[in-house]
PDB file of N, CA and C in Angstrom:
ATOM      1  N   MET A   1     129.187  53.536 175.321  1.00  0.00           N
ATOM      2  CA  MET A   1     128.846  54.150 174.060  1.00  0.00           C
ATOM      3  C   MET A   1     129.287  53.222 172.944  1.00  0.00           C
ATOM      4  N   GLN A   2     128.405  53.009 172.004  1.00  0.00           N
ATOM      5  CA  GLN A   2     128.716  52.156 170.868  1.00  0.00           C
ATOM      6  C   GLN A   2     129.105  53.008 169.666  1.00  0.00           C
ATOM      7  N   LYS A   3     129.858  52.429 168.758  1.00  0.00           N
ATOM      8  CA  LYS A   3     130.339  53.167 167.587  1.00  0.00           C
ATOM      9  C   LYS A   3     129.193  53.707 166.746  1.00  0.00           C
ATOM     10  N   ARG A   4     128.098  52.984 166.677  1.00  0.00           N
ATOM     11  CA  ARG A   4     126.975  53.440 165.846  1.00  0.00           C
ATOM     12  C   ARG A   4     126.326  54.698 166.401  1.00  0.00           C
ATOM     13  N   GLU A   5     126.570  55.021 167.663  1.00  0.00           N
ATOM     14  CA  GLU A   5     126.019  56.234 168.259  1.00  0.00           C
ATOM     15  C   GLU A   5     126.835  57.476 167.923  1.00  0.00           C
ATOM     16  N   LEU A   6     128.015  57.310 167.355  1.00  0.00           N
ATOM     17  CA  LEU A   6     128.875  58.434 167.001  1.00  0.00           C
ATOM     18  C   LEU A   6     128.571  59.000 165.616  1.00  0.00           C
ATOM     19  N   TYR A   7     127.793  58.283 164.822  1.00  0.00           N
ATOM     20  CA  TYR A   7     127.499  58.696 163.454  1.00  0.00           C
ATOM     21  C   TYR A   7     125.994  58.801 163.243  1.00  0.00           C
ATOM     22  N   THR A   8     125.584  59.649 162.282  1.00  0.00           N
ATOM     23  CA  THR A   8     124.185  59.737 161.886  1.00  0.00           C
ATOM     24  C   THR A   8     124.105  59.654 160.360  1.00  0.00           C
ATOM     25  N   LEU A   9     123.023  59.132 159.867  1.00  0.00           N
ATOM     26  CA  LEU A   9     122.811  58.998 158.441  1.00  0.00           C
ATOM     27  C   LEU A   9     121.736  59.991 158.016  1.00  0.00           C
ATOM     28  N   GLU A  10     122.106  60.914 157.126  1.00  0.00           N
ATOM     29  CA  GLU A  10     121.184  61.938 156.640  1.00  0.00           C
ATOM     30  C   GLU A  10     121.268  62.004 155.121  1.00  0.00           C
ATOM     31  N   GLN A  11     120.194  61.631 154.453  1.00  0.00           N
ATOM     32  CA  GLN A  11     120.095  61.699 152.995  1.00  0.00           C
ATOM     33  C   GLN A  11     121.294  61.036 152.311  1.00  0.00           C
ATOM     34  N   ASN A  12     121.557  59.783 152.666  1.00  0.00           N
ATOM     35  CA  ASN A  12     122.643  58.979 152.089  1.00  0.00           C
ATOM     36  C   ASN A  12     124.032  59.549 152.370  1.00  0.00           C
ATOM     37  N   ARG A  13     124.173  60.335 153.415  1.00  0.00           N
ATOM     38  CA  ARG A  13     125.477  60.857 153.824  1.00  0.00           C
ATOM     39  C   ARG A  13     125.696  60.514 155.287  1.00  0.00           C
ATOM     40  N   ILE A  14     126.893  60.100 155.618  1.00  0.00           N
ATOM     41  CA  ILE A  14     127.243  59.792 156.999  1.00  0.00           C
ATOM     42  C   ILE A  14     127.930  61.012 157.598  1.00  0.00           C
ATOM     43  N   THR A  15     127.439  61.462 158.743  1.00  0.00           N
ATOM     44  CA  THR A  15     128.044  62.606 159.422  1.00  0.00           C
ATOM     45  C   THR A  15     128.482  62.198 160.818  1.00  0.00           C
ATOM     46  N   ARG A  16     129.543  62.824 161.298  1.00  0.00           N
ATOM     47  CA  ARG A  16     130.048  62.543 162.630  1.00  0.00           C
ATOM     48  C   ARG A  16     129.236  63.315 163.658  1.00  0.00           C
ATOM     49  N   GLY A  17     128.970  62.687 164.790  1.00  0.00           N
ATOM     50  CA  GLY A  17     128.177  63.319 165.827  1.00  0.00           C
ATOM     51  C   GLY A  17     129.008  64.097 166.822  1.00  0.00           C
ATOM     52  N   ARG A  18     130.282  63.812 166.896  1.00  0.00           N
ATOM     53  CA  ARG A  18     131.159  64.487 167.859  1.00  0.00           C
ATOM     54  C   ARG A  18     132.399  65.022 167.167  1.00  0.00           C
ATOM     55  N   ARG A  19     133.089  65.916 167.866  1.00  0.00           N
ATOM     56  CA  ARG A  19     134.313  66.501 167.313  1.00  0.00           C
ATOM     57  C   ARG A  19     135.473  65.526 167.443  1.00  0.00           C
ATOM     58  N   SER A  20     136.373  65.567 166.494  1.00  0.00           N
ATOM     59  CA  SER A  20     137.588  64.766 166.553  1.00  0.00           C
ATOM     60  C   SER A  20     138.661  65.514 167.331  1.00  0.00           C
ATOM     61  N   CYS A  21     139.587  64.769 167.892  1.00  0.00           N
ATOM     62  CA  CYS A  21     140.696  65.369 168.631  1.00  0.00           C
ATOM     63  C   CYS A  21     141.659  66.026 167.642  1.00  0.00           C
ATOM     64  N   PRO A  22     142.047  67.286 167.876  1.00  0.00           N
ATOM     65  CA  PRO A  22     142.973  67.949 166.950  1.00  0.00           C
ATOM     66  C   PRO A  22     144.390  67.373 167.000  1.00  0.00           C
ATOM     67  N   ARG A  23     144.776  66.748 168.103  1.00  0.00           N
ATOM     68  CA  ARG A  23     146.108  66.142 168.206  1.00  0.00           C
ATOM     69  C   ARG A  23     146.149  64.748 167.588  1.00  0.00           C
ATOM     70  N   CYS A  24     145.158  63.913 167.900  1.00  0.00           N
ATOM     71  CA  CYS A  24     145.157  62.512 167.465  1.00  0.00           C
ATOM     72  C   CYS A  24     144.639  62.335 166.047  1.00  0.00           C
ATOM     73  N   GLY A  25     143.757  63.214 165.611  1.00  0.00           N
ATOM     74  CA  GLY A  25     143.246  63.142 164.250  1.00  0.00           C
ATOM     75  C   GLY A  25     141.878  62.502 164.148  1.00  0.00           C
ATOM     76  N   VAL A  26     141.492  62.207 162.918  1.00  0.00           N
ATOM     77  CA  VAL A  26     140.172  61.663 162.628  1.00  0.00           C
ATOM     78  C   VAL A  26     140.055  60.257 163.222  1.00  0.00           C
ATOM     79  N   GLY A  27     138.914  59.983 163.843  1.00  0.00           N
ATOM     80  CA  GLY A  27     138.670  58.663 164.405  1.00  0.00           C
ATOM     81  C   GLY A  27     138.794  58.611 165.916  1.00  0.00           C
ATOM     82  N   VAL A  28     139.405  59.636 166.512  1.00  0.00           N
ATOM     83  CA  VAL A  28     139.497  59.734 167.973  1.00  0.00           C
ATOM     84  C   VAL A  28     138.635  60.917 168.376  1.00  0.00           C
ATOM     85  N   TYR A  29     137.584  60.639 169.139  1.00  0.00           N
ATOM     86  CA  TYR A  29     136.601  61.656 169.458  1.00  0.00           C
ATOM     87  C   TYR A  29     136.798  62.230 170.852  1.00  0.00           C
ATOM     88  N   LEU A  30     136.336  63.464 171.020  1.00  0.00           N
ATOM     89  CA  LEU A  30     136.386  64.120 172.324  1.00  0.00           C
ATOM     90  C   LEU A  30     135.158  63.719 173.134  1.00  0.00           C
ATOM     91  N   ALA A  31     135.378  63.344 174.392  1.00  0.00           N
ATOM     92  CA  ALA A  31     134.279  63.012 175.288  1.00  0.00           C
ATOM     93  C   ALA A  31     133.614  64.304 175.735  1.00  0.00           C
ATOM     94  N   ASP A  32     132.301  64.294 175.819  1.00  0.00           N
ATOM     95  CA  ASP A  32     131.535  65.498 176.138  1.00  0.00           C
ATOM     96  C   ASP A  32     131.117  65.463 177.607  1.00  0.00           C
ATOM     97  N   HIS A  33     131.776  66.272 178.436  1.00  0.00           N
ATOM     98  CA  HIS A  33     131.448  66.397 179.855  1.00  0.00           C
ATOM     99  C   HIS A  33     130.653  67.686 180.067  1.00  0.00           C
ATOM    100  N   ASP A  34     130.240  67.959 181.305  1.00  0.00           N
ATOM    101  CA  ASP A  34     129.435  69.152 181.599  1.00  0.00           C
ATOM    102  C   ASP A  34     130.166  70.446 181.281  1.00  0.00           C
ATOM    103  N   ASN A  35     131.429  70.550 181.693  1.00  0.00           N
ATOM    104  CA  ASN A  35     132.144  71.816 181.541  1.00  0.00           C
ATOM    105  C   ASN A  35     133.360  71.728 180.620  1.00  0.00           C
ATOM    106  N   ARG A  36     133.590  70.574 179.998  1.00  0.00           N
ATOM    107  CA  ARG A  36     134.775  70.417 179.155  1.00  0.00           C
ATOM    108  C   ARG A  36     134.573  69.291 178.148  1.00  0.00           C
ATOM    109  N   MET A  37     135.484  69.248 177.162  1.00  0.00           N
ATOM    110  CA  MET A  37     135.551  68.152 176.208  1.00  0.00           C
ATOM    111  C   MET A  37     136.975  67.612 176.271  1.00  0.00           C
ATOM    112  N   THR A  38     137.126  66.306 176.455  1.00  0.00           N
ATOM    113  CA  THR A  38     138.450  65.730 176.639  1.00  0.00           C
ATOM    114  C   THR A  38     138.684  64.549 175.706  1.00  0.00           C
ATOM    115  N   CYS A  39     139.947  64.317 175.400  1.00  0.00           N
ATOM    116  CA  CYS A  39     140.371  63.169 174.614  1.00  0.00           C
ATOM    117  C   CYS A  39     140.881  62.113 175.591  1.00  0.00           C
ATOM    118  N   GLY A  40     140.365  60.895 175.483  1.00  0.00           N
ATOM    119  CA  GLY A  40     140.791  59.821 176.367  1.00  0.00           C
ATOM    120  C   GLY A  40     142.129  59.234 175.990  1.00  0.00           C
ATOM    121  N   LYS A  41     142.595  59.503 174.796  1.00  0.00           N
ATOM    122  CA  LYS A  41     143.845  58.926 174.322  1.00  0.00           C
ATOM    123  C   LYS A  41     145.061  59.776 174.712  1.00  0.00           C
ATOM    124  N   CYS A  42     145.005  61.078 174.428  1.00  0.00           N
ATOM    125  CA  CYS A  42     146.165  61.939 174.678  1.00  0.00           C
ATOM    126  C   CYS A  42     145.969  62.919 175.825  1.00  0.00           C
ATOM    127  N   GLY A  43     144.716  63.106 176.293  1.00  0.00           N
ATOM    128  CA  GLY A  43     144.464  64.004 177.409  1.00  0.00           C
ATOM    129  C   GLY A  43     144.162  65.441 177.021  1.00  0.00           C
ATOM    130  N   TYR A  44     144.021  65.715 175.731  1.00  0.00           N
ATOM    131  CA  TYR A  44     143.692  67.063 175.264  1.00  0.00           C
ATOM    132  C   TYR A  44     142.364  67.497 175.873  1.00  0.00           C
ATOM    133  N   THR A  45     142.291  68.749 176.363  1.00  0.00           N
ATOM    134  CA  THR A  45     141.083  69.252 177.026  1.00  0.00           C
ATOM    135  C   THR A  45     140.719  70.625 176.488  1.00  0.00           C
ATOM    136  N   GLU A  46     139.426  70.817 176.202  1.00  0.00           N
ATOM    137  CA  GLU A  46     138.876  72.114 175.854  1.00  0.00           C
ATOM    138  C   GLU A  46     137.783  72.417 176.850  1.00  0.00           C
ATOM    139  N   PHE A  47     137.836  73.589 177.469  1.00  0.00           N
ATOM    140  CA  PHE A  47     136.803  73.981 178.419  1.00  0.00           C
ATOM    141  C   PHE A  47     135.700  74.722 177.698  1.00  0.00           C
ATOM    142  N   LYS A  48     134.462  74.449 178.090  1.00  0.00           N
ATOM    143  CA  LYS A  48     133.305  75.101 177.488  1.00  0.00           C
ATOM    144  C   LYS A  48     133.107  76.463 178.128  1.00  0.00           C
ATOM    145  N   LYS A  49     132.610  77.390 177.345  1.00  0.00           N
ATOM    146  CA  LYS A  49     132.321  78.725 177.865  1.00  0.00           C
ATOM    147  C   LYS A  49     131.023  78.707 178.627  1.00  0.00           C
ATOM    148  N   LYS A  50     130.966  79.467 179.718  1.00  0.00           N
ATOM    149  CA  LYS A  50     129.750  79.559 180.495  1.00  0.00           C
ATOM    150  C   LYS A  50     128.785  80.513 179.803  1.00  0.00           C
ATOM    151  N   LYS A  51     127.503  80.191 179.914  1.00  0.00           N
ATOM    152  CA  LYS A  51     126.498  81.043 179.275  1.00  0.00           C
ATOM    153  C   LYS A  51     126.077  82.165 180.179  1.00  0.00           C
TER     154      LYS A  51
END
């Protein structure tokens, strides 16, 4: 994954494409897996709810 894939440009505004880690702060993103979202730096994990 390249850094340019984490951001999108909409009407002269840059928006983040993924959530930031609540422990590490802005700039460290959560990896999106099938059933969870994890931080590669600190190991923080959020499990997704089943539909």
